[in-house]
Amino acid sequence: MKINQALTLVSPAGGLGNKATVEKSARDATVSFGETLGQAMKDVNNLQQEAGKAVNQMIVGQDVDLHDVMIAVEKAKTSFDLLMEIRNKTVDAYRELMRIQV
């Protein structure tokens, strides 16, 4: 049985569903790798901007807890490191595919 046939039998809620509803939810659930990576880059950028704002607030003397600033900075750093690892693994996979002889 193909996956599309199985999806027509069961709706996302677990009960029986009609084919149009299941196909629409399957289309909505599919997101390309490029879109996912683009969203991840936007999220990392937002975290870095928030960390920068927190650091600036602390520097100018606003009432900001140091631990909140450090948490924001570490969140931004960790998310950036993760994004870089995803990029590195993707480039490695691409290079490996290019080495395959047909």
N, C-alpha and C. Protein backbone atom coordinates (compact mmCIF):
# COMPACT_ATOMS: atom_id res chain seq x y z
N MET A 1 0.85 -1.18 0.00
CA MET A 1 0.00 0.00 0.00
C MET A 1 0.89 1.23 0.00
N LYS A 2 0.59 2.16 -0.87
CA LYS A 2 1.34 3.40 -0.93
C LYS A 2 0.92 4.31 0.21
N ILE A 3 1.82 5.26 0.55
CA ILE A 3 1.55 6.16 1.66
C ILE A 3 0.33 7.04 1.39
N ASN A 4 0.15 7.46 0.14
CA ASN A 4 -1.02 8.29 -0.19
C ASN A 4 -2.32 7.52 0.02
N GLN A 5 -2.31 6.22 -0.29
CA GLN A 5 -3.49 5.41 -0.06
C GLN A 5 -3.78 5.28 1.43
N ALA A 6 -2.73 5.14 2.22
CA ALA A 6 -2.91 5.02 3.66
C ALA A 6 -3.42 6.33 4.23
N LEU A 7 -2.96 7.45 3.69
CA LEU A 7 -3.42 8.74 4.19
C LEU A 7 -4.89 8.97 3.89
N THR A 8 -5.38 8.40 2.81
CA THR A 8 -6.80 8.61 2.49
C THR A 8 -7.70 7.83 3.43
N LEU A 9 -7.16 6.81 4.07
CA LEU A 9 -7.98 6.00 4.96
C LEU A 9 -8.14 6.61 6.35
N VAL A 10 -7.13 7.32 6.79
CA VAL A 10 -7.14 7.84 8.16
C VAL A 10 -6.90 9.34 8.13
N SER A 11 -7.70 10.07 8.88
CA SER A 11 -7.51 11.51 8.96
C SER A 11 -6.43 11.81 10.00
N PRO A 12 -5.88 13.06 10.02
CA PRO A 12 -4.87 13.40 11.00
C PRO A 12 -5.36 13.29 12.44
N ALA A 13 -6.67 13.40 12.66
CA ALA A 13 -7.20 13.32 14.02
C ALA A 13 -7.31 11.88 14.50
N GLY A 14 -7.05 10.93 13.63
CA GLY A 14 -7.07 9.54 14.05
C GLY A 14 -8.32 8.80 13.62
N GLY A 15 -9.35 9.50 13.19
CA GLY A 15 -10.58 8.85 12.74
C GLY A 15 -10.56 8.72 11.24
N LEU A 16 -11.66 8.18 10.71
CA LEU A 16 -11.76 8.07 9.27
C LEU A 16 -12.06 9.45 8.71
N GLY A 17 -11.43 9.78 7.62
CA GLY A 17 -11.63 11.10 7.03
C GLY A 17 -11.86 10.99 5.54
N ASN A 18 -12.32 12.07 4.95
CA ASN A 18 -12.51 12.02 3.51
C ASN A 18 -11.19 12.33 2.81
N LYS A 19 -11.11 11.96 1.56
CA LYS A 19 -9.86 12.05 0.81
C LYS A 19 -9.40 13.50 0.65
N ALA A 20 -10.29 14.42 0.38
CA ALA A 20 -9.92 15.82 0.16
C ALA A 20 -9.29 16.43 1.41
N THR A 21 -9.86 16.15 2.57
CA THR A 21 -9.32 16.70 3.82
C THR A 21 -7.93 16.16 4.09
N VAL A 22 -7.74 14.87 3.89
CA VAL A 22 -6.44 14.25 4.16
C VAL A 22 -5.40 14.75 3.19
N GLU A 23 -5.74 14.87 1.90
CA GLU A 23 -4.78 15.35 0.92
C GLU A 23 -4.40 16.80 1.19
N LYS A 24 -5.35 17.62 1.60
CA LYS A 24 -5.05 19.02 1.92
C LYS A 24 -4.12 19.10 3.13
N SER A 25 -4.37 18.31 4.16
CA SER A 25 -3.50 18.34 5.33
C SER A 25 -2.12 17.79 5.00
N ALA A 26 -2.03 16.82 4.09
CA ALA A 26 -0.73 16.29 3.67
C ALA A 26 0.05 17.35 2.91
N ARG A 27 -0.63 18.12 2.05
CA ARG A 27 0.04 19.20 1.33
C ARG A 27 0.52 20.29 2.28
N ASP A 28 -0.30 20.61 3.27
CA ASP A 28 0.06 21.64 4.23
C ASP A 28 1.25 21.20 5.09
N ALA A 29 1.36 19.90 5.33
CA ALA A 29 2.42 19.38 6.19
C ALA A 29 3.76 19.30 5.47
N THR A 30 3.77 19.27 4.16
CA THR A 30 5.02 19.15 3.43
C THR A 30 5.63 20.53 3.25
N VAL A 31 6.84 20.64 3.76
CA VAL A 31 7.60 21.88 3.64
C VAL A 31 8.96 21.50 3.09
N SER A 32 9.44 22.27 2.14
CA SER A 32 10.73 21.93 1.54
C SER A 32 11.87 22.20 2.51
N PHE A 33 12.99 21.55 2.24
CA PHE A 33 14.17 21.74 3.08
C PHE A 33 14.63 23.19 3.03
N GLY A 34 14.54 23.81 1.87
CA GLY A 34 14.93 25.21 1.73
C GLY A 34 14.08 26.14 2.58
N GLU A 35 12.78 25.89 2.61
CA GLU A 35 11.88 26.70 3.43
C GLU A 35 12.19 26.51 4.91
N THR A 36 12.45 25.26 5.30
CA THR A 36 12.77 24.97 6.70
C THR A 36 14.07 25.65 7.09
N LEU A 37 15.07 25.57 6.22
CA LEU A 37 16.36 26.21 6.50
C LEU A 37 16.23 27.72 6.54
N GLY A 38 15.43 28.27 5.65
CA GLY A 38 15.20 29.71 5.65
C GLY A 38 14.53 30.18 6.94
N GLN A 39 13.54 29.42 7.40
CA GLN A 39 12.88 29.76 8.66
C GLN A 39 13.84 29.65 9.83
N ALA A 40 14.70 28.64 9.80
CA ALA A 40 15.70 28.49 10.87
C ALA A 40 16.65 29.68 10.89
N MET A 41 17.04 30.16 9.72
CA MET A 41 17.93 31.32 9.66
C MET A 41 17.24 32.57 10.21
N LYS A 42 15.96 32.73 9.91
CA LYS A 42 15.21 33.86 10.44
C LYS A 42 15.11 33.78 11.96
N ASP A 43 14.88 32.57 12.47
CA ASP A 43 14.78 32.38 13.92
C ASP A 43 16.11 32.70 14.60
N VAL A 44 17.21 32.23 14.01
CA VAL A 44 18.53 32.51 14.57
C VAL A 44 18.80 34.01 14.55
N ASN A 45 18.44 34.65 13.47
CA ASN A 45 18.64 36.10 13.37
C ASN A 45 17.83 36.83 14.44
N ASN A 46 16.59 36.42 14.66
CA ASN A 46 15.76 37.05 15.69
C ASN A 46 16.36 36.86 17.07
N LEU A 47 16.87 35.65 17.36
CA LEU A 47 17.50 35.41 18.66
C LEU A 47 18.75 36.27 18.84
N GLN A 48 19.52 36.45 17.77
CA GLN A 48 20.72 37.28 17.87
C GLN A 48 20.35 38.75 18.08
N GLN A 49 19.29 39.20 17.43
CA GLN A 49 18.85 40.59 17.63
C GLN A 49 18.35 40.80 19.06
N GLU A 50 17.61 39.83 19.59
CA GLU A 50 17.12 39.93 20.96
C GLU A 50 18.29 39.95 21.94
N ALA A 51 19.31 39.14 21.69
CA ALA A 51 20.49 39.12 22.55
C ALA A 51 21.22 40.46 22.48
N GLY A 52 21.32 41.01 21.28
CA GLY A 52 21.96 42.31 21.12
C GLY A 52 21.21 43.41 21.85
N LYS A 53 19.89 43.37 21.79
CA LYS A 53 19.08 44.37 22.52
C LYS A 53 19.28 44.23 24.03
N ALA A 54 19.32 42.99 24.51
CA ALA A 54 19.51 42.76 25.94
C ALA A 54 20.87 43.27 26.39
N VAL A 55 21.90 43.02 25.60
CA VAL A 55 23.24 43.50 25.94
C VAL A 55 23.26 45.03 25.94
N ASN A 56 22.66 45.65 24.93
CA ASN A 56 22.62 47.11 24.87
C ASN A 56 21.88 47.71 26.06
N GLN A 57 20.78 47.08 26.46
CA GLN A 57 20.04 47.57 27.62
C GLN A 57 20.90 47.50 28.87
N MET A 58 21.66 46.43 29.00
CA MET A 58 22.53 46.30 30.17
C MET A 58 23.64 47.34 30.15
N ILE A 59 24.21 47.59 28.96
CA ILE A 59 25.31 48.55 28.83
C ILE A 59 24.87 49.95 29.18
N VAL A 60 23.67 50.35 28.75
CA VAL A 60 23.22 51.72 29.01
C VAL A 60 22.66 51.89 30.42
N GLY A 61 22.60 50.79 31.17
CA GLY A 61 22.22 50.89 32.58
C GLY A 61 20.75 50.70 32.87
N GLN A 62 20.01 50.17 31.92
CA GLN A 62 18.60 49.90 32.19
C GLN A 62 18.48 48.74 33.17
N ASP A 63 17.30 48.60 33.76
CA ASP A 63 17.07 47.57 34.76
C ASP A 63 16.86 46.23 34.07
N VAL A 64 17.98 45.51 33.84
CA VAL A 64 17.96 44.21 33.19
C VAL A 64 18.79 43.26 34.05
N ASP A 65 18.24 42.09 34.31
CA ASP A 65 18.99 41.11 35.08
C ASP A 65 20.12 40.53 34.24
N LEU A 66 21.26 40.37 34.86
CA LEU A 66 22.42 39.83 34.15
C LEU A 66 22.15 38.41 33.66
N HIS A 67 21.48 37.62 34.46
CA HIS A 67 21.24 36.24 34.03
C HIS A 67 20.30 36.17 32.82
N ASP A 68 19.37 37.14 32.70
CA ASP A 68 18.51 37.18 31.52
C ASP A 68 19.33 37.52 30.27
N VAL A 69 20.29 38.42 30.43
CA VAL A 69 21.16 38.78 29.31
C VAL A 69 22.00 37.58 28.89
N MET A 70 22.56 36.90 29.88
CA MET A 70 23.41 35.74 29.58
C MET A 70 22.60 34.61 28.94
N ILE A 71 21.37 34.42 29.38
CA ILE A 71 20.51 33.39 28.78
C ILE A 71 20.22 33.73 27.33
N ALA A 72 19.91 34.99 27.05
CA ALA A 72 19.63 35.41 25.67
C ALA A 72 20.85 35.23 24.78
N VAL A 73 22.02 35.58 25.30
CA VAL A 73 23.25 35.43 24.52
C VAL A 73 23.55 33.96 24.26
N GLU A 74 23.40 33.12 25.27
CA GLU A 74 23.67 31.69 25.10
C GLU A 74 22.66 31.03 24.16
N LYS A 75 21.40 31.46 24.21
CA LYS A 75 20.39 30.95 23.28
C LYS A 75 20.80 31.27 21.85
N ALA A 76 21.21 32.52 21.63
CA ALA A 76 21.61 32.94 20.29
C ALA A 76 22.84 32.16 19.83
N LYS A 77 23.80 31.98 20.72
CA LYS A 77 25.02 31.26 20.37
C LYS A 77 24.71 29.80 20.05
N THR A 78 23.91 29.16 20.88
CA THR A 78 23.59 27.75 20.67
C THR A 78 22.81 27.55 19.37
N SER A 79 21.85 28.41 19.10
CA SER A 79 21.06 28.27 17.87
C SER A 79 21.94 28.53 16.64
N PHE A 80 22.87 29.47 16.74
CA PHE A 80 23.78 29.73 15.63
C PHE A 80 24.70 28.53 15.40
N ASP A 81 25.23 27.95 16.48
CA ASP A 81 26.09 26.77 16.36
C ASP A 81 25.34 25.61 15.72
N LEU A 82 24.09 25.41 16.11
CA LEU A 82 23.28 24.35 15.52
C LEU A 82 23.07 24.59 14.03
N LEU A 83 22.75 25.82 13.66
CA LEU A 83 22.54 26.15 12.26
C LEU A 83 23.81 25.92 11.45
N MET A 84 24.95 26.26 12.01
CA MET A 84 26.22 26.04 11.31
C MET A 84 26.50 24.55 11.14
N GLU A 85 26.17 23.74 12.14
CA GLU A 85 26.36 22.30 12.01
C GLU A 85 25.45 21.72 10.94
N ILE A 86 24.22 22.21 10.87
CA ILE A 86 23.30 21.76 9.82
C ILE A 86 23.85 22.13 8.45
N ARG A 87 24.36 23.33 8.33
CA ARG A 87 24.96 23.76 7.07
C ARG A 87 26.15 22.88 6.71
N ASN A 88 27.02 22.62 7.68
CA ASN A 88 28.21 21.81 7.42
C ASN A 88 27.83 20.40 6.99
N LYS A 89 26.85 19.80 7.67
CA LYS A 89 26.42 18.45 7.31
C LYS A 89 25.77 18.43 5.93
N THR A 90 25.03 19.48 5.59
CA THR A 90 24.40 19.56 4.28
C THR A 90 25.46 19.68 3.19
N VAL A 91 26.46 20.50 3.40
CA VAL A 91 27.55 20.65 2.43
C VAL A 91 28.32 19.34 2.29
N ASP A 92 28.58 18.66 3.40
CA ASP A 92 29.26 17.37 3.35
C ASP A 92 28.44 16.34 2.56
N ALA A 93 27.13 16.33 2.78
CA ALA A 93 26.27 15.40 2.06
C ALA A 93 26.27 15.72 0.56
N TYR A 94 26.25 17.00 0.22
CA TYR A 94 26.29 17.41 -1.18
C TYR A 94 27.60 16.96 -1.82
N ARG A 95 28.70 17.19 -1.14
CA ARG A 95 30.00 16.76 -1.68
C ARG A 95 30.06 15.25 -1.87
N GLU A 96 29.50 14.53 -0.93
CA GLU A 96 29.48 13.06 -1.04
C GLU A 96 28.65 12.63 -2.25
N LEU A 97 27.52 13.28 -2.48
CA LEU A 97 26.71 12.97 -3.65
C LEU A 97 27.45 13.28 -4.95
N MET A 98 28.23 14.34 -4.94
CA MET A 98 28.98 14.70 -6.16
C MET A 98 30.09 13.70 -6.43
N ARG A 99 30.56 13.01 -5.43
CA ARG A 99 31.63 12.02 -5.62
C ARG A 99 31.10 10.69 -6.16
N ILE A 100 29.81 10.46 -6.06
CA ILE A 100 29.23 9.21 -6.53
C ILE A 100 29.33 9.16 -8.05
N GLN A 101 29.89 8.05 -8.54
CA GLN A 101 30.02 7.88 -9.98
C GLN A 101 28.84 7.09 -10.51
N VAL A 102 28.31 7.58 -11.60
CA VAL A 102 27.13 6.94 -12.19
C VAL A 102 27.53 6.06 -13.33
